[in-house]
Amino acid sequence: MRKAILGVLMIAALFCMPSCTDSKSHAHAIFMLIDVSGTYAKEVGKAESVVSYLLGELQAGDSLMLSGINSRSFSEKLIIAGSTFDARPSKRNAQKQMISAAMKEFVSKKESSAHTDITGAMIQATSYLNETGCKNMTILIFSDMQEDLDKKTIRDFPIDMQGIKVVALNVTKLRSDNIDPRLYLDRLKWWEKRVITAGADEWVVMNDLTRLEGYLAICR
C-alpha cells in the first residue's frame, strides 16, 4: 500500500514540475519603443507617464526595456534603460528608480531625428524579447507610425515576430491625415498586415492610454 501511495505521489510530482518550476510562463517582458523623429518628438512627455505606470505594475521576474526610434533604430546605442526585475524588493526598487531616472533624462534632452526607422526598432525589440525566455511578450510603440527611411537604410524584407503582441500607442494624426483621413487608416492597415504577416500574435492601436491598464492585465 505504501509503495502504491509513493508511486502516485511521484507521478503527481512529475506532472506538477513544469507549471511549478517554469516561472517564465507567468513573467511579462515589455519592450517600449519611443519615437523622437520630427514633430512627434514633442509627444515624448506622454511616454514618460506610460513608463511610470509600467514601473508601478511590473513584478519580480518581469522585464522592461526602453529604446528610442530615430533615423536608424537597429542599434543598442538607442537603448534608454531596462532590466529584469529582481525578487528582492530593495533590489527591484533600485532597478525601477534607475529606469525612471533614465527616462526623465531622455525626456529632458528633447532630441529629434530627421528620419523614422520603425522596422529597425521592431527587429531590435523582437531580438531582446526572445532572449528573455518569457512566453508573454509585448512591444509598445509610442509613435505616429509614419516610417520615413533615408535612401541607404534597407528594411523591405520579411521579419519574424512570432509570439509577440504589438501595441501602437498615441498614434497621432499628421497634417496630411487631417486633409485625407484615408492616409491615416491606410497607414494603420499597412502596419497591421506587416506585423501579422511577421507572425505577431496581435496588433492593437490604443490612442486612449487609459485602456493600457486593462489590456496588460488581460495579457498576464
N, C-alpha and C. Protein backbone atom coordinates (compact mmCIF):
# COMPACT_ATOMS: atom_id res chain seq x y z
N MET A 1 0.83 -1.21 0.00
CA MET A 1 0.00 0.00 0.00
C MET A 1 0.88 1.27 0.00
N ARG A 2 1.94 1.22 0.85
CA ARG A 2 2.83 2.37 0.94
C ARG A 2 3.52 2.64 -0.39
N LYS A 3 3.96 1.55 -1.07
CA LYS A 3 4.62 1.70 -2.37
C LYS A 3 3.67 2.31 -3.39
N ALA A 4 2.41 1.90 -3.33
CA ALA A 4 1.41 2.42 -4.28
C ALA A 4 1.22 3.92 -4.08
N ILE A 5 1.17 4.34 -2.80
CA ILE A 5 0.98 5.76 -2.49
C ILE A 5 2.17 6.58 -2.97
N LEU A 6 3.38 6.03 -2.71
CA LEU A 6 4.59 6.72 -3.17
C LEU A 6 4.62 6.85 -4.68
N GLY A 7 4.16 5.79 -5.36
CA GLY A 7 4.12 5.82 -6.83
C GLY A 7 3.19 6.90 -7.33
N VAL A 8 2.03 7.04 -6.72
CA VAL A 8 1.05 8.08 -7.11
C VAL A 8 1.63 9.46 -6.89
N LEU A 9 2.31 9.64 -5.73
CA LEU A 9 2.89 10.94 -5.42
C LEU A 9 3.99 11.32 -6.41
N MET A 10 4.81 10.34 -6.81
CA MET A 10 5.88 10.61 -7.77
C MET A 10 5.32 11.02 -9.12
N ILE A 11 4.25 10.32 -9.57
CA ILE A 11 3.62 10.67 -10.85
C ILE A 11 3.03 12.07 -10.79
N ALA A 12 2.37 12.39 -9.67
CA ALA A 12 1.77 13.73 -9.50
C ALA A 12 2.85 14.80 -9.54
N ALA A 13 4.01 14.49 -8.91
CA ALA A 13 5.11 15.46 -8.90
C ALA A 13 5.63 15.72 -10.30
N LEU A 14 5.70 14.68 -11.12
CA LEU A 14 6.18 14.84 -12.49
C LEU A 14 5.27 15.74 -13.30
N PHE A 15 3.96 15.61 -13.10
CA PHE A 15 3.02 16.46 -13.82
C PHE A 15 3.07 17.90 -13.31
N CYS A 16 3.40 18.07 -12.05
CA CYS A 16 3.42 19.40 -11.44
C CYS A 16 4.68 20.17 -11.79
N MET A 17 5.77 19.49 -12.04
CA MET A 17 7.05 20.16 -12.21
C MET A 17 7.07 21.28 -13.24
N PRO A 18 6.54 21.10 -14.48
CA PRO A 18 6.62 22.18 -15.47
C PRO A 18 5.94 23.45 -15.01
N SER A 19 4.73 23.32 -14.41
CA SER A 19 3.99 24.52 -14.02
C SER A 19 4.54 25.13 -12.74
N CYS A 20 5.14 24.28 -11.87
CA CYS A 20 5.65 24.80 -10.61
C CYS A 20 7.02 25.45 -10.75
N THR A 21 7.80 25.00 -11.71
CA THR A 21 9.17 25.50 -11.82
C THR A 21 9.35 26.51 -12.94
N ASP A 22 8.44 26.56 -13.88
CA ASP A 22 8.61 27.45 -15.03
C ASP A 22 8.05 28.83 -14.72
N SER A 23 8.85 29.64 -13.99
CA SER A 23 8.40 30.99 -13.62
C SER A 23 8.23 31.88 -14.82
N LYS A 24 8.93 31.56 -15.92
CA LYS A 24 8.86 32.38 -17.13
C LYS A 24 7.48 32.35 -17.75
N SER A 25 6.70 31.31 -17.46
CA SER A 25 5.38 31.20 -18.09
C SER A 25 4.44 32.29 -17.62
N HIS A 26 4.71 32.90 -16.45
CA HIS A 26 3.86 33.96 -15.93
C HIS A 26 4.53 35.33 -16.02
N ALA A 27 5.81 35.38 -16.36
CA ALA A 27 6.51 36.65 -16.45
C ALA A 27 6.12 37.39 -17.73
N HIS A 28 6.21 38.69 -17.68
CA HIS A 28 5.83 39.54 -18.81
C HIS A 28 7.05 40.37 -19.22
N ALA A 29 7.46 40.26 -20.46
CA ALA A 29 8.56 41.07 -20.99
C ALA A 29 7.99 42.14 -21.92
N ILE A 30 8.31 43.38 -21.64
CA ILE A 30 7.79 44.51 -22.42
C ILE A 30 8.96 45.33 -22.96
N PHE A 31 8.91 45.61 -24.24
CA PHE A 31 9.91 46.49 -24.87
C PHE A 31 9.15 47.69 -25.41
N MET A 32 9.43 48.87 -24.88
CA MET A 32 8.74 50.08 -25.29
C MET A 32 9.63 50.91 -26.20
N LEU A 33 9.14 51.20 -27.39
CA LEU A 33 9.84 52.00 -28.39
C LEU A 33 9.25 53.40 -28.43
N ILE A 34 10.12 54.40 -28.38
CA ILE A 34 9.66 55.79 -28.26
C ILE A 34 10.18 56.61 -29.42
N ASP A 35 9.27 57.10 -30.23
CA ASP A 35 9.59 57.88 -31.44
C ASP A 35 10.06 59.28 -31.06
N VAL A 36 11.22 59.67 -31.59
CA VAL A 36 11.73 61.03 -31.34
C VAL A 36 11.99 61.75 -32.66
N SER A 37 11.28 61.34 -33.69
CA SER A 37 11.51 61.95 -35.00
C SER A 37 10.52 63.07 -35.29
N GLY A 38 11.00 64.08 -36.01
CA GLY A 38 10.13 65.15 -36.50
C GLY A 38 9.30 65.80 -35.41
N THR A 39 8.05 66.09 -35.75
CA THR A 39 7.15 66.77 -34.83
C THR A 39 6.68 65.86 -33.71
N TYR A 40 6.82 64.53 -33.88
CA TYR A 40 6.34 63.61 -32.84
C TYR A 40 7.19 63.69 -31.58
N ALA A 41 8.39 64.24 -31.69
CA ALA A 41 9.28 64.34 -30.53
C ALA A 41 8.61 65.08 -29.36
N LYS A 42 7.69 65.99 -29.67
CA LYS A 42 7.04 66.76 -28.61
C LYS A 42 6.07 65.91 -27.78
N GLU A 43 5.76 64.69 -28.25
CA GLU A 43 4.85 63.80 -27.53
C GLU A 43 5.55 62.96 -26.47
N VAL A 44 6.89 63.05 -26.41
CA VAL A 44 7.67 62.17 -25.55
C VAL A 44 7.27 62.27 -24.08
N GLY A 45 6.83 63.43 -23.66
CA GLY A 45 6.41 63.60 -22.27
C GLY A 45 5.30 62.65 -21.87
N LYS A 46 4.39 62.35 -22.80
CA LYS A 46 3.31 61.41 -22.53
C LYS A 46 3.86 60.00 -22.33
N ALA A 47 4.93 59.68 -23.04
CA ALA A 47 5.55 58.36 -22.91
C ALA A 47 6.08 58.16 -21.50
N GLU A 48 6.53 59.24 -20.87
CA GLU A 48 7.06 59.13 -19.51
C GLU A 48 5.99 58.66 -18.53
N SER A 49 4.75 59.12 -18.72
CA SER A 49 3.66 58.70 -17.84
C SER A 49 3.34 57.21 -18.04
N VAL A 50 3.47 56.72 -19.27
CA VAL A 50 3.27 55.29 -19.54
C VAL A 50 4.34 54.47 -18.83
N VAL A 51 5.58 54.93 -18.91
CA VAL A 51 6.69 54.23 -18.24
C VAL A 51 6.45 54.20 -16.73
N SER A 52 6.00 55.30 -16.16
CA SER A 52 5.72 55.35 -14.72
C SER A 52 4.67 54.33 -14.34
N TYR A 53 3.63 54.20 -15.18
CA TYR A 53 2.59 53.21 -14.92
C TYR A 53 3.17 51.79 -14.97
N LEU A 54 3.97 51.51 -15.98
CA LEU A 54 4.56 50.17 -16.13
C LEU A 54 5.44 49.82 -14.93
N LEU A 55 6.22 50.78 -14.48
CA LEU A 55 7.10 50.53 -13.33
C LEU A 55 6.29 50.23 -12.07
N GLY A 56 5.11 50.79 -11.98
CA GLY A 56 4.26 50.53 -10.83
C GLY A 56 3.60 49.16 -10.88
N GLU A 57 3.43 48.62 -12.08
CA GLU A 57 2.70 47.37 -12.24
C GLU A 57 3.58 46.13 -12.40
N LEU A 58 4.72 46.26 -13.02
CA LEU A 58 5.55 45.09 -13.29
C LEU A 58 6.13 44.51 -12.00
N GLN A 59 6.23 43.18 -11.97
CA GLN A 59 6.59 42.47 -10.76
C GLN A 59 7.92 41.75 -10.91
N ALA A 60 8.32 41.06 -9.86
CA ALA A 60 9.55 40.27 -9.89
C ALA A 60 9.49 39.25 -11.02
N GLY A 61 10.56 39.17 -11.80
CA GLY A 61 10.61 38.25 -12.94
C GLY A 61 10.19 38.89 -14.24
N ASP A 62 9.44 40.00 -14.18
CA ASP A 62 9.05 40.73 -15.39
C ASP A 62 10.25 41.53 -15.91
N SER A 63 10.19 41.87 -17.18
CA SER A 63 11.28 42.64 -17.81
C SER A 63 10.71 43.86 -18.51
N LEU A 64 11.47 44.95 -18.47
CA LEU A 64 11.10 46.17 -19.18
C LEU A 64 12.35 46.76 -19.83
N MET A 65 12.23 47.10 -21.10
CA MET A 65 13.32 47.76 -21.82
C MET A 65 12.74 48.95 -22.56
N LEU A 66 13.45 50.08 -22.53
CA LEU A 66 13.05 51.30 -23.22
C LEU A 66 14.10 51.65 -24.27
N SER A 67 13.63 52.04 -25.46
CA SER A 67 14.57 52.42 -26.52
C SER A 67 13.93 53.47 -27.41
N GLY A 68 14.76 54.30 -28.01
CA GLY A 68 14.26 55.32 -28.91
C GLY A 68 14.08 54.80 -30.33
N ILE A 69 13.31 55.54 -31.11
CA ILE A 69 13.18 55.30 -32.55
C ILE A 69 13.73 56.54 -33.24
N ASN A 70 14.76 56.36 -34.06
CA ASN A 70 15.27 57.51 -34.81
C ASN A 70 15.57 57.11 -36.25
N SER A 71 16.54 57.75 -36.88
CA SER A 71 16.78 57.53 -38.30
C SER A 71 17.19 56.09 -38.62
N ARG A 72 17.98 55.49 -37.75
CA ARG A 72 18.34 54.07 -37.87
C ARG A 72 18.27 53.46 -36.48
N SER A 73 17.27 52.61 -36.27
CA SER A 73 16.92 52.19 -34.92
C SER A 73 17.40 50.81 -34.52
N PHE A 74 18.07 50.09 -35.42
CA PHE A 74 18.57 48.77 -35.07
C PHE A 74 19.94 48.92 -34.41
N SER A 75 19.93 49.47 -33.20
CA SER A 75 21.18 49.80 -32.54
C SER A 75 21.00 49.82 -31.03
N GLU A 76 21.94 49.19 -30.30
CA GLU A 76 21.91 49.21 -28.84
C GLU A 76 22.16 50.61 -28.29
N LYS A 77 22.72 51.49 -29.11
CA LYS A 77 23.02 52.85 -28.68
C LYS A 77 21.75 53.63 -28.32
N LEU A 78 20.62 53.18 -28.86
CA LEU A 78 19.36 53.88 -28.62
C LEU A 78 18.65 53.42 -27.36
N ILE A 79 19.15 52.36 -26.72
CA ILE A 79 18.51 51.85 -25.51
C ILE A 79 18.65 52.87 -24.38
N ILE A 80 17.53 53.19 -23.79
CA ILE A 80 17.48 54.18 -22.71
C ILE A 80 17.81 53.53 -21.37
N ALA A 81 17.13 52.43 -21.09
CA ALA A 81 17.33 51.68 -19.85
C ALA A 81 16.51 50.41 -19.92
N GLY A 82 16.79 49.49 -19.00
CA GLY A 82 15.99 48.28 -18.95
C GLY A 82 16.51 47.31 -17.91
N SER A 83 15.66 46.37 -17.51
CA SER A 83 16.06 45.40 -16.51
C SER A 83 15.03 44.29 -16.40
N THR A 84 15.48 43.13 -15.91
CA THR A 84 14.57 42.08 -15.46
C THR A 84 14.51 42.21 -13.95
N PHE A 85 13.31 42.39 -13.42
CA PHE A 85 13.16 42.81 -12.03
C PHE A 85 13.43 41.68 -11.04
N ASP A 86 14.23 42.00 -10.05
CA ASP A 86 14.71 41.06 -9.05
C ASP A 86 13.60 40.68 -8.07
N ALA A 87 13.74 39.50 -7.47
CA ALA A 87 12.76 39.03 -6.48
C ALA A 87 12.88 39.80 -5.17
N ARG A 88 14.08 40.35 -4.90
CA ARG A 88 14.27 41.10 -3.67
C ARG A 88 13.70 42.51 -3.82
N PRO A 89 12.77 42.93 -2.94
CA PRO A 89 12.12 44.24 -3.07
C PRO A 89 13.10 45.41 -3.15
N SER A 90 14.15 45.41 -2.34
CA SER A 90 15.09 46.52 -2.34
C SER A 90 15.82 46.62 -3.68
N LYS A 91 16.24 45.49 -4.21
CA LYS A 91 16.92 45.46 -5.50
C LYS A 91 15.96 45.86 -6.61
N ARG A 92 14.74 45.37 -6.54
CA ARG A 92 13.73 45.68 -7.56
C ARG A 92 13.42 47.17 -7.57
N ASN A 93 13.28 47.77 -6.40
CA ASN A 93 13.00 49.21 -6.31
C ASN A 93 14.15 50.02 -6.90
N ALA A 94 15.38 49.58 -6.64
CA ALA A 94 16.55 50.28 -7.20
C ALA A 94 16.56 50.20 -8.72
N GLN A 95 16.18 49.04 -9.26
CA GLN A 95 16.12 48.87 -10.71
C GLN A 95 15.07 49.81 -11.31
N LYS A 96 13.93 49.90 -10.66
CA LYS A 96 12.85 50.75 -11.17
C LYS A 96 13.23 52.23 -11.07
N GLN A 97 13.90 52.61 -10.00
CA GLN A 97 14.34 54.00 -9.86
C GLN A 97 15.36 54.37 -10.94
N MET A 98 16.21 53.43 -11.28
CA MET A 98 17.21 53.66 -12.34
C MET A 98 16.52 53.89 -13.68
N ILE A 99 15.51 53.06 -13.99
CA ILE A 99 14.80 53.21 -15.25
C ILE A 99 14.04 54.53 -15.29
N SER A 100 13.40 54.88 -14.18
CA SER A 100 12.66 56.14 -14.10
C SER A 100 13.57 57.34 -14.32
N ALA A 101 14.74 57.31 -13.69
CA ALA A 101 15.70 58.42 -13.82
C ALA A 101 16.22 58.53 -15.25
N ALA A 102 16.49 57.36 -15.88
CA ALA A 102 16.98 57.37 -17.26
C ALA A 102 15.93 57.91 -18.21
N MET A 103 14.66 57.59 -17.95
CA MET A 103 13.57 58.08 -18.80
C MET A 103 13.42 59.59 -18.65
N LYS A 104 13.53 60.09 -17.42
CA LYS A 104 13.43 61.53 -17.20
C LYS A 104 14.55 62.27 -17.95
N GLU A 105 15.73 61.70 -17.91
CA GLU A 105 16.86 62.31 -18.61
C GLU A 105 16.62 62.29 -20.13
N PHE A 106 16.08 61.19 -20.63
CA PHE A 106 15.78 61.07 -22.05
C PHE A 106 14.77 62.15 -22.49
N VAL A 107 13.74 62.34 -21.69
CA VAL A 107 12.72 63.35 -22.00
C VAL A 107 13.31 64.75 -21.95
N SER A 108 14.17 65.01 -20.99
CA SER A 108 14.74 66.35 -20.81
C SER A 108 15.65 66.76 -21.97
N LYS A 109 16.25 65.76 -22.64
CA LYS A 109 17.15 66.07 -23.75
C LYS A 109 16.40 66.59 -24.97
N LYS A 110 15.16 66.15 -25.13
CA LYS A 110 14.30 66.59 -26.25
C LYS A 110 15.00 66.45 -27.60
N GLU A 111 15.62 65.29 -27.78
CA GLU A 111 16.30 65.04 -29.05
C GLU A 111 15.29 64.75 -30.16
N SER A 112 15.65 65.07 -31.39
CA SER A 112 14.78 64.82 -32.53
C SER A 112 15.64 64.32 -33.69
N SER A 113 15.09 63.37 -34.46
CA SER A 113 15.83 62.83 -35.61
C SER A 113 15.14 63.20 -36.91
N ALA A 114 15.89 63.16 -37.98
CA ALA A 114 15.36 63.57 -39.29
C ALA A 114 14.48 62.49 -39.91
N HIS A 115 14.77 61.20 -39.59
CA HIS A 115 14.02 60.09 -40.19
C HIS A 115 13.47 59.17 -39.11
N THR A 116 12.63 58.21 -39.53
CA THR A 116 11.95 57.33 -38.58
C THR A 116 12.05 55.88 -39.02
N ASP A 117 12.91 55.12 -38.35
CA ASP A 117 13.11 53.71 -38.69
C ASP A 117 12.36 52.84 -37.68
N ILE A 118 11.06 52.67 -37.90
CA ILE A 118 10.23 51.86 -37.00
C ILE A 118 10.55 50.38 -37.15
N THR A 119 10.76 49.92 -38.38
CA THR A 119 11.04 48.50 -38.61
C THR A 119 12.32 48.06 -37.90
N GLY A 120 13.37 48.86 -38.01
CA GLY A 120 14.63 48.53 -37.34
C GLY A 120 14.44 48.43 -35.84
N ALA A 121 13.62 49.32 -35.27
CA ALA A 121 13.34 49.30 -33.84
C ALA A 121 12.59 48.04 -33.45
N MET A 122 11.65 47.62 -34.30
CA MET A 122 10.88 46.40 -34.03
C MET A 122 11.79 45.16 -34.04
N ILE A 123 12.71 45.11 -34.98
CA ILE A 123 13.64 43.98 -35.06
C ILE A 123 14.50 43.93 -33.80
N GLN A 124 14.97 45.08 -33.36
CA GLN A 124 15.77 45.17 -32.14
C GLN A 124 14.96 44.69 -30.94
N ALA A 125 13.72 45.14 -30.84
CA ALA A 125 12.86 44.77 -29.72
C ALA A 125 12.56 43.27 -29.72
N THR A 126 12.29 42.73 -30.89
CA THR A 126 11.98 41.30 -31.01
C THR A 126 13.15 40.45 -30.55
N SER A 127 14.35 40.84 -30.94
CA SER A 127 15.56 40.11 -30.54
C SER A 127 15.71 40.09 -29.03
N TYR A 128 15.50 41.22 -28.39
CA TYR A 128 15.62 41.31 -26.94
C TYR A 128 14.55 40.45 -26.25
N LEU A 129 13.30 40.58 -26.70
CA LEU A 129 12.21 39.85 -26.07
C LEU A 129 12.42 38.35 -26.14
N ASN A 130 12.88 37.87 -27.28
CA ASN A 130 13.12 36.43 -27.43
C ASN A 130 14.21 35.94 -26.47
N GLU A 131 15.17 36.80 -26.17
CA GLU A 131 16.25 36.42 -25.25
C GLU A 131 15.77 36.28 -23.80
N THR A 132 14.67 36.93 -23.44
CA THR A 132 14.18 36.86 -22.06
C THR A 132 13.63 35.48 -21.72
N GLY A 133 13.17 34.74 -22.72
CA GLY A 133 12.58 33.42 -22.48
C GLY A 133 11.15 33.49 -21.97
N CYS A 134 10.58 34.69 -21.87
CA CYS A 134 9.19 34.84 -21.40
C CYS A 134 8.21 34.40 -22.48
N LYS A 135 7.11 33.84 -22.05
CA LYS A 135 6.07 33.45 -23.00
C LYS A 135 5.14 34.61 -23.32
N ASN A 136 5.10 35.59 -22.42
CA ASN A 136 4.23 36.75 -22.58
C ASN A 136 5.10 37.94 -22.98
N MET A 137 5.09 38.30 -24.27
CA MET A 137 5.98 39.34 -24.79
C MET A 137 5.17 40.41 -25.53
N THR A 138 5.47 41.67 -25.23
CA THR A 138 4.73 42.79 -25.82
C THR A 138 5.68 43.89 -26.26
N ILE A 139 5.46 44.40 -27.46
CA ILE A 139 6.14 45.61 -27.93
C ILE A 139 5.14 46.76 -27.86
N LEU A 140 5.48 47.80 -27.14
CA LEU A 140 4.69 49.03 -27.11
C LEU A 140 5.40 50.05 -27.99
N ILE A 141 4.70 50.59 -28.97
CA ILE A 141 5.30 51.57 -29.88
C ILE A 141 4.62 52.92 -29.69
N PHE A 142 5.36 53.87 -29.17
CA PHE A 142 4.85 55.22 -28.95
C PHE A 142 5.26 56.06 -30.15
N SER A 143 4.35 56.15 -31.15
CA SER A 143 4.74 56.76 -32.44
C SER A 143 3.50 57.11 -33.25
N ASP A 144 3.71 57.98 -34.26
CA ASP A 144 2.63 58.25 -35.22
C ASP A 144 2.61 57.19 -36.32
N MET A 145 3.55 56.24 -36.26
CA MET A 145 3.64 55.09 -37.18
C MET A 145 3.91 55.50 -38.63
N GLN A 146 4.48 56.68 -38.81
CA GLN A 146 4.87 57.12 -40.14
C GLN A 146 6.35 56.81 -40.34
N GLU A 147 6.65 55.69 -41.01
CA GLU A 147 8.04 55.33 -41.25
C GLU A 147 8.61 56.20 -42.35
N ASP A 148 9.80 56.71 -42.10
CA ASP A 148 10.47 57.60 -43.06
C ASP A 148 11.95 57.24 -43.07
N LEU A 149 12.37 56.44 -44.04
CA LEU A 149 13.74 55.96 -44.10
C LEU A 149 14.58 56.79 -45.06
N ASP A 150 15.87 56.90 -44.74
CA ASP A 150 16.75 57.54 -45.71
C ASP A 150 17.04 56.56 -46.85
N LYS A 151 17.68 57.03 -47.89
CA LYS A 151 17.85 56.23 -49.10
C LYS A 151 18.77 55.02 -48.91
N LYS A 152 19.63 55.04 -47.88
CA LYS A 152 20.58 53.95 -47.68
C LYS A 152 20.06 52.84 -46.77
N THR A 153 19.05 53.14 -45.97
CA THR A 153 18.56 52.17 -44.99
C THR A 153 17.64 51.14 -45.66
N ILE A 154 17.95 49.85 -45.47
CA ILE A 154 17.19 48.76 -46.10
C ILE A 154 16.34 48.06 -45.06
N ARG A 155 15.03 48.06 -45.27
CA ARG A 155 14.11 47.42 -44.34
C ARG A 155 12.98 46.64 -45.06
N ASP A 156 13.02 46.60 -46.40
CA ASP A 156 11.93 45.95 -47.14
C ASP A 156 12.19 44.45 -47.29
N PHE A 157 12.19 43.74 -46.14
CA PHE A 157 12.39 42.30 -46.13
C PHE A 157 11.51 41.71 -45.03
N PRO A 158 11.19 40.41 -45.12
CA PRO A 158 10.33 39.79 -44.10
C PRO A 158 11.00 39.81 -42.73
N ILE A 159 10.22 39.99 -41.70
CA ILE A 159 10.72 39.94 -40.33
C ILE A 159 9.94 38.89 -39.56
N ASP A 160 10.50 38.42 -38.46
CA ASP A 160 9.89 37.35 -37.67
C ASP A 160 9.53 37.88 -36.29
N MET A 161 8.22 37.95 -35.99
CA MET A 161 7.76 38.46 -34.69
C MET A 161 6.85 37.43 -34.01
N GLN A 162 7.16 36.16 -34.19
CA GLN A 162 6.33 35.10 -33.64
C GLN A 162 6.18 35.21 -32.13
N GLY A 163 4.94 35.09 -31.66
CA GLY A 163 4.66 35.06 -30.23
C GLY A 163 4.65 36.41 -29.55
N ILE A 164 4.70 37.48 -30.32
CA ILE A 164 4.78 38.83 -29.73
C ILE A 164 3.50 39.62 -30.03
N LYS A 165 3.01 40.33 -29.02
CA LYS A 165 1.90 41.26 -29.21
C LYS A 165 2.47 42.64 -29.49
N VAL A 166 1.85 43.36 -30.40
CA VAL A 166 2.33 44.70 -30.77
C VAL A 166 1.21 45.71 -30.51
N VAL A 167 1.51 46.72 -29.71
CA VAL A 167 0.53 47.75 -29.36
C VAL A 167 1.07 49.11 -29.78
N ALA A 168 0.37 49.78 -30.68
CA ALA A 168 0.73 51.12 -31.11
C ALA A 168 0.00 52.13 -30.22
N LEU A 169 0.77 52.94 -29.50
CA LEU A 169 0.20 53.90 -28.56
C LEU A 169 0.27 55.33 -29.09
N ASN A 170 -0.78 56.10 -28.78
CA ASN A 170 -0.76 57.54 -29.06
C ASN A 170 -0.39 57.81 -30.53
N VAL A 171 -1.09 57.14 -31.44
CA VAL A 171 -0.81 57.29 -32.87
C VAL A 171 -1.45 58.60 -33.34
N THR A 172 -0.70 59.67 -33.23
CA THR A 172 -1.23 60.99 -33.59
C THR A 172 -1.40 61.11 -35.11
N LYS A 173 -2.27 62.00 -35.50
CA LYS A 173 -2.55 62.22 -36.92
C LYS A 173 -1.64 63.32 -37.47
N LEU A 174 -1.16 63.08 -38.67
CA LEU A 174 -0.33 64.05 -39.36
C LEU A 174 -1.21 65.11 -40.01
N ARG A 175 -0.62 66.21 -40.43
CA ARG A 175 -1.38 67.26 -41.11
C ARG A 175 -2.03 66.71 -42.37
N SER A 176 -1.31 65.84 -43.09
CA SER A 176 -1.87 65.24 -44.31
C SER A 176 -3.05 64.31 -44.00
N ASP A 177 -3.03 63.69 -42.80
CA ASP A 177 -4.14 62.82 -42.40
C ASP A 177 -5.42 63.62 -42.21
N ASN A 178 -5.25 64.83 -41.72
CA ASN A 178 -6.41 65.69 -41.49
C ASN A 178 -7.06 66.08 -42.81
N ILE A 179 -6.24 66.24 -43.82
CA ILE A 179 -6.75 66.57 -45.16
C ILE A 179 -7.44 65.37 -45.78
N ASP A 180 -6.80 64.19 -45.64
CA ASP A 180 -7.36 62.96 -46.21
C ASP A 180 -7.23 61.84 -45.17
N PRO A 181 -8.28 61.58 -44.37
CA PRO A 181 -8.23 60.57 -43.31
C PRO A 181 -7.88 59.17 -43.80
N ARG A 182 -8.05 58.92 -45.10
CA ARG A 182 -7.71 57.60 -45.62
C ARG A 182 -6.22 57.30 -45.46
N LEU A 183 -5.40 58.34 -45.47
CA LEU A 183 -3.96 58.15 -45.29
C LEU A 183 -3.65 57.55 -43.92
N TYR A 184 -4.33 58.05 -42.91
CA TYR A 184 -4.16 57.56 -41.54
C TYR A 184 -4.62 56.11 -41.42
N LEU A 185 -5.81 55.84 -41.94
CA LEU A 185 -6.37 54.50 -41.87
C LEU A 185 -5.54 53.50 -42.67
N ASP A 186 -5.08 53.91 -43.83
CA ASP A 186 -4.25 53.03 -44.66
C ASP A 186 -2.91 52.73 -43.99
N ARG A 187 -2.37 53.74 -43.29
CA ARG A 187 -1.09 53.55 -42.60
C ARG A 187 -1.23 52.48 -41.51
N LEU A 188 -2.32 52.55 -40.76
CA LEU A 188 -2.55 51.57 -39.70
C LEU A 188 -2.81 50.18 -40.27
N LYS A 189 -3.53 50.10 -41.38
CA LYS A 189 -3.78 48.80 -42.03
C LYS A 189 -2.48 48.20 -42.54
N TRP A 190 -1.60 49.05 -43.07
CA TRP A 190 -0.32 48.55 -43.58
C TRP A 190 0.51 47.94 -42.46
N TRP A 191 0.55 48.62 -41.32
CA TRP A 191 1.32 48.10 -40.20
C TRP A 191 0.69 46.84 -39.62
N GLU A 192 -0.62 46.80 -39.58
CA GLU A 192 -1.29 45.58 -39.10
C GLU A 192 -0.91 44.39 -39.97
N LYS A 193 -0.95 44.58 -41.28
CA LYS A 193 -0.58 43.50 -42.20
C LYS A 193 0.89 43.13 -42.01
N ARG A 194 1.74 44.13 -41.80
CA ARG A 194 3.18 43.91 -41.65
C ARG A 194 3.48 43.02 -40.44
N VAL A 195 2.90 43.34 -39.27
CA VAL A 195 3.22 42.60 -38.06
C VAL A 195 2.52 41.24 -38.01
N ILE A 196 1.30 41.16 -38.52
CA ILE A 196 0.60 39.88 -38.52
C ILE A 196 1.26 38.91 -39.49
N THR A 197 1.68 39.41 -40.65
CA THR A 197 2.42 38.58 -41.61
C THR A 197 3.73 38.10 -41.00
N ALA A 198 4.31 38.91 -40.11
CA ALA A 198 5.56 38.56 -39.44
C ALA A 198 5.35 37.53 -38.33
N GLY A 199 4.10 37.17 -38.08
CA GLY A 199 3.81 36.14 -37.08
C GLY A 199 3.41 36.66 -35.72
N ALA A 200 3.23 37.99 -35.58
CA ALA A 200 2.84 38.56 -34.28
C ALA A 200 1.48 38.00 -33.86
N ASP A 201 1.31 37.83 -32.55
CA ASP A 201 0.05 37.30 -32.02
C ASP A 201 -1.10 38.29 -32.17
N GLU A 202 -0.75 39.58 -32.12
CA GLU A 202 -1.82 40.59 -32.09
C GLU A 202 -1.28 41.95 -32.48
N TRP A 203 -2.14 42.75 -33.10
CA TRP A 203 -1.86 44.15 -33.41
C TRP A 203 -2.99 44.98 -32.82
N VAL A 204 -2.64 45.94 -31.98
CA VAL A 204 -3.65 46.78 -31.32
C VAL A 204 -3.25 48.23 -31.44
N VAL A 205 -4.20 49.10 -31.79
CA VAL A 205 -3.99 50.54 -31.78
C VAL A 205 -4.70 51.10 -30.56
N MET A 206 -3.98 51.85 -29.72
CA MET A 206 -4.54 52.32 -28.47
C MET A 206 -4.21 53.81 -28.29
N ASN A 207 -5.11 54.65 -28.73
CA ASN A 207 -4.90 56.09 -28.59
C ASN A 207 -5.38 56.61 -27.23
N ASP A 208 -6.29 55.89 -26.60
CA ASP A 208 -6.72 56.22 -25.24
C ASP A 208 -5.81 55.46 -24.28
N LEU A 209 -4.84 56.14 -23.72
CA LEU A 209 -3.82 55.49 -22.90
C LEU A 209 -4.39 54.89 -21.62
N THR A 210 -5.59 55.30 -21.21
CA THR A 210 -6.20 54.72 -20.01
C THR A 210 -6.61 53.26 -20.25
N ARG A 211 -6.69 52.85 -21.51
CA ARG A 211 -7.04 51.46 -21.82
C ARG A 211 -5.88 50.50 -21.60
N LEU A 212 -4.68 51.04 -21.48
CA LEU A 212 -3.49 50.19 -21.39
C LEU A 212 -3.51 49.32 -20.15
N GLU A 213 -3.99 49.86 -19.03
CA GLU A 213 -4.04 49.11 -17.79
C GLU A 213 -4.86 47.83 -17.94
N GLY A 214 -6.06 47.96 -18.51
CA GLY A 214 -6.92 46.80 -18.69
C GLY A 214 -6.34 45.80 -19.67
N TYR A 215 -5.69 46.32 -20.72
CA TYR A 215 -5.13 45.43 -21.74
C TYR A 215 -4.00 44.59 -21.16
N LEU A 216 -3.09 45.20 -20.45
CA LEU A 216 -1.96 44.45 -19.89
C LEU A 216 -2.41 43.50 -18.80
N ALA A 217 -3.46 43.83 -18.06
CA ALA A 217 -3.98 42.93 -17.03
C ALA A 217 -4.55 41.67 -17.67
N ILE A 218 -5.21 41.82 -18.81
CA ILE A 218 -5.78 40.68 -19.52
C ILE A 218 -4.67 39.81 -20.07
N CYS A 219 -3.59 40.44 -20.52
CA CYS A 219 -2.49 39.70 -21.14
C CYS A 219 -1.74 38.81 -20.14
N ARG A 220 -1.72 39.20 -18.87
CA ARG A 220 -0.88 38.45 -17.91
C ARG A 220 -1.41 37.04 -17.69
